[in-house]
């Protein structure tokens, strides 16, 4: 999502938007406090994968929906179809997990 969004937005703009969304999401889901924003992307490596799977799914779903919602507003929906197409390509193999 980040790579595709950078084709329309500058990296700086995208990182500012992601920082704000991440901050708001962390207020709602404490689990996301382990997610950090690096120079070019969100870093999920420190996230506790031993938490309740439903909690993880809820937190990540909220985060992704917020990212898509804000980017849609920011770009007048120009990115929506492209971002959804990128998400459709993602499989469980992409995460390195089975």
N, C-alpha and C. Protein backbone atom coordinates (compact mmCIF):
# COMPACT_ATOMS: atom_id res chain seq x y z
N UNK A 1 0.84 -1.19 0.00
CA UNK A 1 0.00 0.00 0.00
C UNK A 1 0.88 1.24 0.00
N UNK A 2 1.90 1.22 0.85
CA UNK A 2 2.78 2.39 0.92
C UNK A 2 3.48 2.65 -0.41
N UNK A 3 4.01 1.58 -1.03
CA UNK A 3 4.73 1.74 -2.29
C UNK A 3 3.80 2.30 -3.37
N UNK A 4 2.60 1.79 -3.43
CA UNK A 4 1.64 2.24 -4.45
C UNK A 4 1.20 3.68 -4.18
N UNK A 5 0.99 4.03 -2.92
CA UNK A 5 0.57 5.39 -2.58
C UNK A 5 1.66 6.40 -2.91
N UNK A 6 2.92 6.00 -2.79
CA UNK A 6 4.02 6.92 -3.10
C UNK A 6 4.10 7.25 -4.58
N UNK A 7 3.41 6.48 -5.42
CA UNK A 7 3.41 6.83 -6.84
C UNK A 7 2.56 8.07 -7.09
N UNK A 8 1.68 8.41 -6.16
CA UNK A 8 0.83 9.60 -6.29
C UNK A 8 1.21 10.68 -5.30
N UNK A 9 1.53 10.29 -4.08
CA UNK A 9 1.89 11.23 -3.02
C UNK A 9 3.40 11.22 -2.81
N UNK A 10 3.93 12.29 -2.30
CA UNK A 10 5.34 12.27 -1.95
C UNK A 10 5.55 11.39 -0.72
N UNK A 11 6.74 10.88 -0.57
CA UNK A 11 7.06 10.03 0.57
C UNK A 11 6.86 10.78 1.88
N UNK A 12 7.22 12.05 1.91
CA UNK A 12 7.08 12.85 3.13
C UNK A 12 5.61 13.00 3.49
N UNK A 13 4.78 13.32 2.51
CA UNK A 13 3.34 13.46 2.76
C UNK A 13 2.77 12.15 3.28
N UNK A 14 3.11 11.05 2.63
CA UNK A 14 2.60 9.76 3.05
C UNK A 14 3.04 9.42 4.46
N UNK A 15 4.29 9.67 4.82
CA UNK A 15 4.77 9.35 6.16
C UNK A 15 4.08 10.20 7.22
N UNK A 16 3.79 11.45 6.91
CA UNK A 16 3.07 12.31 7.86
C UNK A 16 1.66 11.77 8.07
N UNK A 17 1.01 11.38 6.99
CA UNK A 17 -0.34 10.82 7.08
C UNK A 17 -0.31 9.51 7.88
N UNK A 18 0.63 8.63 7.56
CA UNK A 18 0.72 7.35 8.28
C UNK A 18 1.03 7.55 9.76
N UNK A 19 1.87 8.53 10.06
CA UNK A 19 2.20 8.81 11.46
C UNK A 19 0.94 9.20 12.24
N UNK A 20 0.13 10.05 11.65
CA UNK A 20 -1.11 10.49 12.32
C UNK A 20 -2.09 9.33 12.47
N UNK A 21 -2.25 8.55 11.43
CA UNK A 21 -3.16 7.40 11.49
C UNK A 21 -2.67 6.39 12.51
N UNK A 22 -1.37 6.13 12.53
CA UNK A 22 -0.82 5.17 13.49
C UNK A 22 -1.04 5.66 14.91
N UNK A 23 -0.81 6.94 15.15
CA UNK A 23 -1.01 7.51 16.48
C UNK A 23 -2.46 7.33 16.93
N UNK A 24 -3.41 7.66 16.06
CA UNK A 24 -4.83 7.51 16.40
C UNK A 24 -5.19 6.05 16.61
N UNK A 25 -4.64 5.18 15.80
CA UNK A 25 -4.94 3.74 15.93
C UNK A 25 -4.37 3.17 17.22
N UNK A 26 -3.21 3.67 17.63
CA UNK A 26 -2.60 3.21 18.88
C UNK A 26 -3.44 3.61 20.09
N UNK A 27 -4.17 4.72 19.98
CA UNK A 27 -5.05 5.14 21.07
C UNK A 27 -6.20 4.15 21.23
N UNK A 28 -6.64 3.58 20.15
CA UNK A 28 -7.77 2.66 20.17
C UNK A 28 -7.34 1.21 20.45
N UNK A 29 -6.16 0.83 19.96
CA UNK A 29 -5.65 -0.54 20.11
C UNK A 29 -4.24 -0.48 20.68
N UNK A 30 -4.09 -0.83 21.94
CA UNK A 30 -2.78 -0.79 22.59
C UNK A 30 -1.77 -1.69 21.89
N UNK A 31 -2.24 -2.76 21.30
CA UNK A 31 -1.37 -3.68 20.57
C UNK A 31 -0.56 -2.96 19.49
N UNK A 32 -1.14 -1.94 18.89
CA UNK A 32 -0.47 -1.20 17.83
C UNK A 32 0.62 -0.28 18.35
N UNK A 33 0.74 -0.13 19.66
CA UNK A 33 1.82 0.70 20.20
C UNK A 33 3.18 0.08 19.91
N UNK A 34 3.19 -1.20 19.56
CA UNK A 34 4.43 -1.89 19.21
C UNK A 34 4.83 -1.67 17.75
N UNK A 35 3.94 -1.06 16.98
CA UNK A 35 4.22 -0.76 15.57
C UNK A 35 4.92 0.59 15.53
N UNK A 36 5.97 0.67 14.75
CA UNK A 36 6.70 1.94 14.64
C UNK A 36 6.71 2.40 13.19
N UNK A 37 7.02 3.65 13.03
CA UNK A 37 7.13 4.22 11.69
C UNK A 37 8.60 4.50 11.43
N UNK A 38 9.15 3.77 10.48
CA UNK A 38 10.53 3.97 10.10
C UNK A 38 10.60 5.08 9.05
N UNK A 39 11.76 5.29 8.51
CA UNK A 39 11.96 6.36 7.53
C UNK A 39 11.03 6.21 6.32
N UNK A 40 10.81 4.98 5.87
CA UNK A 40 10.05 4.76 4.64
C UNK A 40 8.82 3.88 4.78
N UNK A 41 8.57 3.33 5.97
CA UNK A 41 7.44 2.40 6.08
C UNK A 41 7.08 2.14 7.54
N UNK A 42 5.96 1.44 7.72
CA UNK A 42 5.56 0.99 9.05
C UNK A 42 6.31 -0.29 9.36
N UNK A 43 6.75 -0.43 10.60
CA UNK A 43 7.51 -1.60 11.01
C UNK A 43 6.68 -2.38 12.02
N UNK A 44 6.32 -3.60 11.66
CA UNK A 44 5.47 -4.45 12.49
C UNK A 44 6.27 -5.53 13.21
N UNK A 45 7.59 -5.53 13.09
CA UNK A 45 8.42 -6.60 13.64
C UNK A 45 8.29 -6.76 15.14
N UNK A 46 8.10 -5.69 15.87
CA UNK A 46 8.02 -5.76 17.33
C UNK A 46 6.64 -6.16 17.84
N UNK A 47 5.67 -6.26 16.94
CA UNK A 47 4.30 -6.56 17.36
C UNK A 47 4.22 -7.99 17.92
N UNK A 48 3.58 -8.11 19.06
CA UNK A 48 3.44 -9.39 19.75
C UNK A 48 2.46 -10.27 18.99
N UNK A 49 2.99 -11.28 18.32
CA UNK A 49 2.16 -12.18 17.53
C UNK A 49 1.51 -13.27 18.37
N UNK A 50 1.79 -13.27 19.66
CA UNK A 50 1.20 -14.27 20.56
C UNK A 50 -0.11 -13.78 21.17
N UNK A 51 -0.50 -12.57 20.84
CA UNK A 51 -1.77 -12.02 21.32
C UNK A 51 -2.92 -12.78 20.68
N UNK A 52 -4.11 -12.53 21.19
CA UNK A 52 -5.32 -13.13 20.65
C UNK A 52 -5.42 -12.79 19.16
N UNK A 53 -5.54 -13.81 18.30
CA UNK A 53 -5.63 -13.54 16.85
C UNK A 53 -6.76 -12.59 16.48
N UNK A 54 -7.87 -12.67 17.18
CA UNK A 54 -8.99 -11.77 16.89
C UNK A 54 -8.61 -10.31 17.19
N UNK A 55 -7.85 -10.11 18.26
CA UNK A 55 -7.40 -8.76 18.62
C UNK A 55 -6.44 -8.23 17.55
N UNK A 56 -5.55 -9.08 17.10
CA UNK A 56 -4.60 -8.68 16.05
C UNK A 56 -5.34 -8.32 14.77
N UNK A 57 -6.28 -9.17 14.37
CA UNK A 57 -7.05 -8.92 13.15
C UNK A 57 -7.84 -7.62 13.28
N UNK A 58 -8.48 -7.40 14.42
CA UNK A 58 -9.25 -6.18 14.62
C UNK A 58 -8.36 -4.94 14.54
N UNK A 59 -7.21 -5.00 15.19
CA UNK A 59 -6.31 -3.85 15.20
C UNK A 59 -5.77 -3.56 13.81
N UNK A 60 -5.31 -4.58 13.11
CA UNK A 60 -4.75 -4.37 11.77
C UNK A 60 -5.82 -3.97 10.76
N UNK A 61 -7.02 -4.52 10.91
CA UNK A 61 -8.11 -4.13 10.03
C UNK A 61 -8.45 -2.67 10.23
N UNK A 62 -8.54 -2.24 11.49
CA UNK A 62 -8.81 -0.84 11.78
C UNK A 62 -7.74 0.05 11.16
N UNK A 63 -6.48 -0.31 11.35
CA UNK A 63 -5.37 0.48 10.83
C UNK A 63 -5.45 0.58 9.30
N UNK A 64 -5.67 -0.54 8.64
CA UNK A 64 -5.73 -0.53 7.18
C UNK A 64 -6.93 0.26 6.66
N UNK A 65 -8.07 0.09 7.28
CA UNK A 65 -9.26 0.84 6.86
C UNK A 65 -9.03 2.34 7.04
N UNK A 66 -8.41 2.73 8.13
CA UNK A 66 -8.13 4.16 8.35
C UNK A 66 -7.16 4.69 7.30
N UNK A 67 -6.15 3.91 6.97
CA UNK A 67 -5.20 4.34 5.94
C UNK A 67 -5.93 4.54 4.62
N UNK A 68 -6.74 3.57 4.23
CA UNK A 68 -7.47 3.68 2.97
C UNK A 68 -8.46 4.84 2.99
N UNK A 69 -9.12 5.04 4.12
CA UNK A 69 -10.10 6.12 4.23
C UNK A 69 -9.44 7.49 4.09
N UNK A 70 -8.35 7.70 4.80
CA UNK A 70 -7.67 8.99 4.75
C UNK A 70 -7.05 9.23 3.37
N UNK A 71 -6.43 8.21 2.80
CA UNK A 71 -5.85 8.38 1.47
C UNK A 71 -6.91 8.65 0.42
N UNK A 72 -8.07 8.04 0.57
CA UNK A 72 -9.17 8.29 -0.37
C UNK A 72 -9.60 9.75 -0.29
N UNK A 73 -9.72 10.27 0.91
CA UNK A 73 -10.11 11.68 1.07
C UNK A 73 -9.03 12.63 0.56
N UNK A 74 -7.80 12.28 0.85
CA UNK A 74 -6.68 13.14 0.46
C UNK A 74 -6.50 13.21 -1.05
N UNK A 75 -6.80 12.12 -1.73
CA UNK A 75 -6.56 12.06 -3.18
C UNK A 75 -7.85 12.06 -3.99
N UNK A 76 -8.97 12.39 -3.38
CA UNK A 76 -10.27 12.40 -4.07
C UNK A 76 -10.54 11.04 -4.73
N UNK A 77 -10.22 9.99 -4.02
CA UNK A 77 -10.45 8.60 -4.44
C UNK A 77 -9.61 8.14 -5.63
N UNK A 78 -8.62 8.91 -6.03
CA UNK A 78 -7.78 8.52 -7.16
C UNK A 78 -7.03 7.22 -6.86
N UNK A 79 -6.59 7.04 -5.63
CA UNK A 79 -5.79 5.87 -5.27
C UNK A 79 -6.61 4.63 -4.93
N UNK A 80 -7.86 4.78 -4.60
CA UNK A 80 -8.63 3.66 -4.06
C UNK A 80 -8.54 2.38 -4.88
N UNK A 81 -8.87 2.45 -6.15
CA UNK A 81 -8.87 1.24 -6.97
C UNK A 81 -7.49 0.63 -7.05
N UNK A 82 -6.46 1.45 -7.19
CA UNK A 82 -5.09 0.95 -7.28
C UNK A 82 -4.66 0.27 -5.98
N UNK A 83 -5.01 0.88 -4.85
CA UNK A 83 -4.65 0.30 -3.55
C UNK A 83 -5.39 -1.01 -3.31
N UNK A 84 -6.66 -1.05 -3.65
CA UNK A 84 -7.41 -2.29 -3.49
C UNK A 84 -6.86 -3.39 -4.40
N UNK A 85 -6.45 -3.04 -5.59
CA UNK A 85 -5.83 -4.02 -6.49
C UNK A 85 -4.55 -4.58 -5.89
N UNK A 86 -3.74 -3.71 -5.28
CA UNK A 86 -2.51 -4.17 -4.63
C UNK A 86 -2.83 -5.11 -3.47
N UNK A 87 -3.85 -4.79 -2.69
CA UNK A 87 -4.23 -5.64 -1.56
C UNK A 87 -4.72 -7.01 -2.02
N UNK A 88 -5.36 -7.06 -3.17
CA UNK A 88 -5.87 -8.33 -3.69
C UNK A 88 -4.73 -9.28 -4.06
N UNK A 89 -3.54 -8.74 -4.29
CA UNK A 89 -2.38 -9.55 -4.65
C UNK A 89 -1.72 -10.20 -3.44
N UNK A 90 -2.02 -9.71 -2.24
CA UNK A 90 -1.38 -10.18 -1.02
C UNK A 90 -1.93 -11.55 -0.64
N UNK A 91 -1.02 -12.46 -0.31
CA UNK A 91 -1.40 -13.80 0.16
C UNK A 91 -0.74 -14.06 1.49
N UNK A 92 -1.14 -15.13 2.15
CA UNK A 92 -0.53 -15.47 3.43
C UNK A 92 0.96 -15.79 3.26
N UNK A 93 1.38 -16.19 2.08
CA UNK A 93 2.79 -16.47 1.83
C UNK A 93 3.64 -15.19 1.85
N UNK A 94 3.04 -14.05 1.56
CA UNK A 94 3.74 -12.77 1.57
C UNK A 94 4.22 -12.38 2.95
N UNK A 95 3.55 -12.86 3.98
CA UNK A 95 3.91 -12.48 5.33
C UNK A 95 5.03 -13.36 5.90
N UNK A 96 5.39 -14.42 5.17
CA UNK A 96 6.41 -15.32 5.67
C UNK A 96 5.86 -16.35 6.62
N UNK A 97 4.56 -16.34 6.82
CA UNK A 97 3.93 -17.30 7.71
C UNK A 97 3.09 -18.27 6.90
N UNK A 98 2.78 -19.39 7.49
CA UNK A 98 1.97 -20.37 6.76
C UNK A 98 0.58 -20.44 7.34
